[in-house]
Amino acid sequence: MRTIVITGSTRGIGLGLAQEFLARECQVVISGRSQETVNAAIQKLIEKYPAENIMGCPCDVRELEQVQALWDRSLAHFGTVDIWINNAGLGTAPANFWTIPAETTDRIIDVNIKGLMHGCQVAIQGMEKQGAGFIYNLEGLGSDGRHVDRIATYGTSKRAIAYFTEGLAIELKNGPVKIGSLSPGMVITDLLMGDYDQDSQRWQEAKKIFNILADQVETVTPWLVEKMLANDKNGRRIRWLTTPKIIWRFISAPLLKRDPFK
């Protein structure tokens, strides 16, 4: 039975991944910034999955000591960590960079880049000691170099993740630890929705794109989990919304009239 640790897994894609791993009889460690959110997520999960396969641990990924504690507690509880997923991330509503408070920019960089680096450092060290393990880093808009108006900070953080993951794949190529990336595409979560006013013109314009490209968490996460469990290659990029799929969705949009919000 494989053990999976997922940062930022009390809601959204992280919680969706946890549910799918548990459905495939894996052991899962839930993590979020507060004990309260961790407890709430665990309570939701044990209504459907065996409690003995679930553990929770609060962790602010900005703090290396807390990330190390997440590894140590997971290892002590389940005996091994087979897959570590750096999912924790922050975004912000679309805005010109110079109008965003400095503390907001700092939080995005600290969580999305430094927090992910903490996760990789701790997991690599631990997995080298146990002799094996996989790490996956969550990509996002900006990872492939595309630019979208007024999300420069978030996009920069995700572009950095792509470069960092590629670099680690080279460093790890001759060792027992493997690393890869997950690209879930546009998924309807709090991170995507931000603080849109759904009565605003900005929301109506954004929804046109969401209707074409976005998917529900429960659509994307089963596919991602199956690919991770089947993968044995270092440097693998597991990508849901590929370029051919994007092209097809735009071509077929007038006929299919997708509405992922229903």
Protein backbone atom coordinates (compact mmCIF):
# COMPACT_ATOMS: atom_id res chain seq x y z
CA MET A 1 0.00 0.00 0.00
CA ARG A 2 1.52 3.30 -1.10
CA THR A 3 1.69 6.38 1.12
CA ILE A 4 1.04 9.81 -0.34
CA VAL A 5 1.74 13.19 1.26
CA ILE A 6 -0.03 16.18 -0.29
CA THR A 7 0.63 19.75 0.83
CA GLY A 8 -2.30 22.13 0.63
CA SER A 9 -4.78 19.27 0.56
CA THR A 10 -7.63 20.50 2.74
CA ARG A 11 -9.59 21.72 -0.29
CA GLY A 12 -9.52 22.11 -4.08
CA ILE A 13 -7.22 20.01 -6.23
CA GLY A 14 -5.25 18.77 -3.21
CA LEU A 15 -8.33 17.35 -1.52
CA GLY A 16 -9.51 15.93 -4.84
CA LEU A 17 -6.19 14.12 -5.29
CA ALA A 18 -6.42 12.78 -1.73
CA GLN A 19 -9.87 11.34 -2.40
CA GLU A 20 -8.73 9.61 -5.58
CA PHE A 21 -5.65 8.08 -3.94
CA LEU A 22 -7.80 6.79 -1.08
CA ALA A 23 -10.26 5.33 -3.57
CA ARG A 24 -7.33 3.31 -4.93
CA GLU A 25 -6.45 1.98 -1.47
CA CYS A 26 -3.49 4.26 -0.81
CA GLN A 27 -2.60 5.85 2.52
CA VAL A 28 -2.82 9.64 2.47
CA VAL A 29 -1.47 12.44 4.65
CA ILE A 30 -3.61 15.58 4.55
CA SER A 31 -1.92 18.92 5.19
CA GLY A 32 -2.99 22.55 5.46
CA ARG A 33 -1.95 25.66 7.32
CA SER A 34 -4.19 25.14 10.35
CA GLN A 35 -5.25 22.22 12.50
CA GLU A 36 -8.87 23.28 12.04
CA THR A 37 -8.83 22.96 8.25
CA VAL A 38 -6.95 19.66 8.49
CA ASN A 39 -9.52 18.27 10.93
CA ALA A 40 -12.40 19.38 8.70
CA ALA A 41 -10.88 17.69 5.65
CA ILE A 42 -10.20 14.46 7.54
CA GLN A 43 -13.76 14.40 8.87
CA LYS A 44 -15.04 14.66 5.31
CA LEU A 45 -12.75 11.89 4.08
CA ILE A 46 -13.46 9.35 6.85
CA GLU A 47 -17.13 9.45 5.94
CA LYS A 48 -16.18 7.53 2.80
CA TYR A 49 -12.72 6.02 3.28
CA PRO A 50 -11.03 3.92 6.02
CA ALA A 51 -9.83 6.14 8.87
CA GLU A 52 -6.68 4.04 9.31
CA ASN A 53 -5.53 5.11 5.82
CA ILE A 54 -5.76 8.82 6.63
CA MET A 55 -3.52 11.07 8.69
CA GLY A 56 -3.45 14.85 9.06
CA CYS A 57 -0.71 17.29 9.91
CA PRO A 58 -0.83 21.11 9.83
CA CYS A 59 2.03 22.67 7.90
CA ASP A 60 2.88 26.14 6.68
CA VAL A 61 5.21 25.35 3.79
CA ARG A 62 6.94 28.72 4.20
CA GLU A 63 8.57 27.30 7.33
CA LEU A 64 11.19 24.64 6.63
CA GLU A 65 10.88 23.25 10.15
CA GLN A 66 7.16 22.64 9.66
CA VAL A 67 7.77 20.88 6.34
CA GLN A 68 10.35 18.66 8.02
CA ALA A 69 7.84 17.91 10.78
CA LEU A 70 5.29 16.93 8.11
CA TRP A 71 7.76 14.40 6.69
CA ASP A 72 8.79 13.09 10.12
CA ARG A 73 5.20 12.59 11.32
CA SER A 74 4.16 10.95 8.04
CA LEU A 75 7.11 8.57 8.19
CA ALA A 76 6.49 7.73 11.85
CA HIS A 77 2.82 7.03 11.20
CA PHE A 78 2.95 5.05 7.95
CA GLY A 79 6.58 3.86 7.81
CA THR A 80 7.36 5.22 4.35
CA VAL A 81 6.47 8.03 1.94
CA ASP A 82 6.15 6.83 -1.64
CA ILE A 83 4.82 9.99 -3.30
CA TRP A 84 5.16 13.59 -2.10
CA ILE A 85 3.05 16.20 -3.92
CA ASN A 86 3.87 19.89 -3.60
CA ASN A 87 0.39 21.26 -4.18
CA ALA A 88 0.19 24.20 -1.75
CA GLY A 89 -0.09 27.47 -3.64
CA LEU A 90 -1.50 30.98 -3.55
CA GLY A 91 -2.87 33.27 -6.23
CA THR A 92 -4.41 36.70 -6.45
CA ALA A 93 -7.18 38.37 -8.38
CA PRO A 94 -6.04 39.80 -11.75
CA ALA A 95 -4.45 43.20 -11.20
CA ASN A 96 -1.59 45.30 -12.51
CA PHE A 97 1.57 44.27 -10.67
CA TRP A 98 2.35 47.74 -9.34
CA THR A 99 -1.04 47.95 -7.63
CA ILE A 100 -0.62 44.73 -5.64
CA PRO A 101 0.52 45.21 -2.00
CA ALA A 102 4.11 44.10 -1.41
CA GLU A 103 3.03 41.72 1.33
CA THR A 104 0.73 39.93 -1.13
CA THR A 105 3.58 39.48 -3.60
CA ASP A 106 5.82 38.23 -0.81
CA ARG A 107 3.25 35.61 0.26
CA ILE A 108 2.85 34.30 -3.29
CA ILE A 109 6.60 33.96 -3.78
CA ASP A 110 7.14 32.49 -0.32
CA VAL A 111 4.45 29.81 -0.74
CA ASN A 112 4.61 29.03 -4.45
CA ILE A 113 8.39 29.00 -4.83
CA LYS A 114 10.13 28.84 -1.46
CA GLY A 115 7.48 26.56 0.03
CA LEU A 116 7.76 24.17 -2.89
CA MET A 117 11.55 24.21 -2.60
CA HIS A 118 11.24 23.35 1.08
CA GLY A 119 9.04 20.40 0.15
CA CYS A 120 11.51 19.15 -2.44
CA GLN A 121 14.49 19.53 -0.11
CA VAL A 122 12.86 17.63 2.74
CA ALA A 123 11.35 14.92 0.53
CA ILE A 124 14.54 14.29 -1.44
CA GLN A 125 16.61 13.95 1.71
CA GLY A 126 14.07 11.59 3.27
CA MET A 127 13.53 9.52 0.15
CA GLU A 128 17.26 9.08 -0.40
CA LYS A 129 17.49 7.61 3.10
CA GLN A 130 14.61 5.20 2.47
CA GLY A 131 15.98 4.33 -0.99
CA ALA A 132 13.14 5.42 -3.29
CA GLY A 133 10.32 7.89 -3.84
CA PHE A 134 8.52 10.18 -6.26
CA ILE A 135 7.98 13.93 -5.96
CA TYR A 136 5.47 15.89 -8.06
CA ASN A 137 5.27 19.67 -8.31
CA LEU A 138 2.05 21.40 -9.31
CA GLU A 139 2.36 23.63 -12.34
CA GLY A 140 -0.09 26.37 -13.26
CA LEU A 141 -0.75 29.22 -15.63
CA GLY A 142 2.64 30.56 -16.67
CA SER A 143 4.52 27.27 -16.34
CA ASP A 144 4.72 26.86 -20.12
CA GLY A 145 5.73 30.47 -20.73
CA ARG A 146 2.30 31.76 -21.77
CA HIS A 147 1.29 35.18 -20.54
CA VAL A 148 -2.14 36.30 -19.36
CA ASP A 149 -2.93 39.91 -18.63
CA ARG A 150 -2.55 41.07 -15.01
CA ILE A 151 -1.32 37.88 -13.35
CA ALA A 152 2.41 38.51 -13.70
CA THR A 153 3.33 37.56 -10.14
CA TYR A 154 1.46 34.27 -10.06
CA GLY A 155 2.61 33.37 -13.58
CA THR A 156 6.21 34.14 -12.67
CA SER A 157 6.01 31.83 -9.66
CA LYS A 158 4.67 28.99 -11.80
CA ARG A 159 7.28 29.55 -14.50
CA ALA A 160 9.93 29.30 -11.81
CA ILE A 161 8.44 25.98 -10.67
CA ALA A 162 8.75 24.55 -14.18
CA TYR A 163 12.41 25.55 -14.43
CA PHE A 164 13.17 24.29 -10.93
CA THR A 165 11.52 20.91 -11.55
CA GLU A 166 13.41 20.44 -14.81
CA GLY A 167 16.65 21.29 -13.03
CA LEU A 168 16.00 18.82 -10.22
CA ALA A 169 15.16 16.08 -12.73
CA ILE A 170 18.68 16.49 -14.12
CA GLU A 171 20.25 16.46 -10.65
CA LEU A 172 18.29 13.33 -9.63
CA LYS A 173 18.73 11.35 -12.85
CA ASN A 174 21.20 8.85 -11.40
CA GLY A 175 19.66 8.43 -7.95
CA PRO A 176 16.78 6.57 -6.31
CA VAL A 177 14.47 9.60 -6.12
CA LYS A 178 12.41 10.72 -9.12
CA ILE A 179 10.64 14.00 -9.73
CA GLY A 180 7.96 15.17 -12.13
CA SER A 181 5.28 17.79 -12.57
CA LEU A 182 1.50 17.87 -12.66
CA SER A 183 -0.31 20.25 -14.97
CA PRO A 184 -4.03 20.05 -14.15
CA GLY A 185 -5.08 22.81 -16.53
CA MET A 186 -7.84 25.23 -15.62
CA VAL A 187 -9.72 23.73 -12.67
CA ILE A 188 -12.65 25.34 -10.87
CA THR A 189 -11.32 26.02 -7.40
CA ASP A 190 -11.12 28.98 -5.02
CA LEU A 191 -7.70 29.74 -6.49
CA LEU A 192 -9.15 30.10 -9.99
CA MET A 193 -12.25 32.01 -8.95
CA GLY A 194 -10.35 34.47 -6.77
CA ASP A 195 -12.57 37.32 -5.72
CA TYR A 196 -14.60 37.68 -8.91
CA ASP A 197 -17.82 39.62 -8.49
CA GLN A 198 -20.16 37.34 -10.41
CA ASP A 199 -22.38 40.28 -11.31
CA SER A 200 -19.49 42.17 -12.91
CA GLN A 201 -18.55 42.53 -16.57
CA ARG A 202 -15.10 41.12 -15.73
CA TRP A 203 -16.74 37.91 -14.52
CA GLN A 204 -18.85 37.60 -17.67
CA GLU A 205 -15.75 37.95 -19.85
CA ALA A 206 -13.76 35.46 -17.76
CA LYS A 207 -16.59 32.94 -17.73
CA LYS A 208 -16.51 32.71 -21.53
CA ILE A 209 -13.00 31.28 -21.30
CA PHE A 210 -13.78 29.17 -18.24
CA ASN A 211 -16.68 27.55 -20.08
CA ILE A 212 -14.32 26.45 -22.84
CA LEU A 213 -11.22 25.43 -20.89
CA ALA A 214 -12.13 24.81 -17.25
CA ASP A 215 -12.98 21.47 -15.64
CA GLN A 216 -14.32 20.33 -12.29
CA VAL A 217 -11.87 18.93 -9.74
CA GLU A 218 -13.54 15.51 -9.91
CA THR A 219 -12.99 15.40 -13.68
CA VAL A 220 -9.25 16.04 -13.58
CA THR A 221 -7.98 14.41 -10.39
CA PRO A 222 -8.81 10.75 -11.20
CA TRP A 223 -6.81 11.03 -14.42
CA LEU A 224 -3.85 12.66 -12.67
CA VAL A 225 -3.79 10.01 -9.94
CA GLU A 226 -3.88 7.13 -12.42
CA LYS A 227 -0.97 8.64 -14.33
CA MET A 228 1.09 9.14 -11.16
CA LEU A 229 0.51 5.60 -9.93
CA ALA A 230 1.49 4.20 -13.33
CA ASN A 231 4.55 6.40 -13.87
CA ASP A 232 8.08 5.09 -13.33
CA LYS A 233 10.08 7.73 -15.21
CA ASN A 234 12.04 10.66 -13.82
CA GLY A 235 11.19 14.06 -15.29
CA ARG A 236 7.70 13.09 -16.46
CA ARG A 237 5.30 15.99 -17.03
CA ILE A 238 1.74 14.78 -16.50
CA ARG A 239 -0.43 17.27 -18.37
CA TRP A 240 -4.24 17.19 -18.53
CA LEU A 241 -5.00 20.15 -20.79
CA THR A 242 -2.71 19.58 -23.76
CA THR A 243 -2.39 21.91 -26.75
CA PRO A 244 -4.46 19.62 -29.06
CA LYS A 245 -7.19 19.46 -26.39
CA ILE A 246 -7.20 23.25 -26.08
CA ILE A 247 -7.51 23.67 -29.86
CA TRP A 248 -10.34 21.14 -30.02
CA ARG A 249 -12.26 22.84 -27.24
CA PHE A 250 -12.13 26.20 -28.97
CA ILE A 251 -13.18 24.66 -32.30
CA SER A 252 -16.04 22.71 -30.76
CA ALA A 253 -17.17 25.43 -28.33
CA PRO A 254 -20.05 26.77 -30.51
CA LEU A 255 -21.54 23.26 -30.78
CA LEU A 256 -20.86 21.78 -27.34
CA LYS A 257 -21.62 24.89 -25.27
CA ARG A 258 -19.80 23.56 -22.21
CA ASP A 259 -20.74 24.85 -18.77
CA PRO A 260 -18.46 23.32 -16.11
CA PHE A 261 -20.20 25.32 -13.38
CA LYS A 262 -23.37 23.22 -13.56
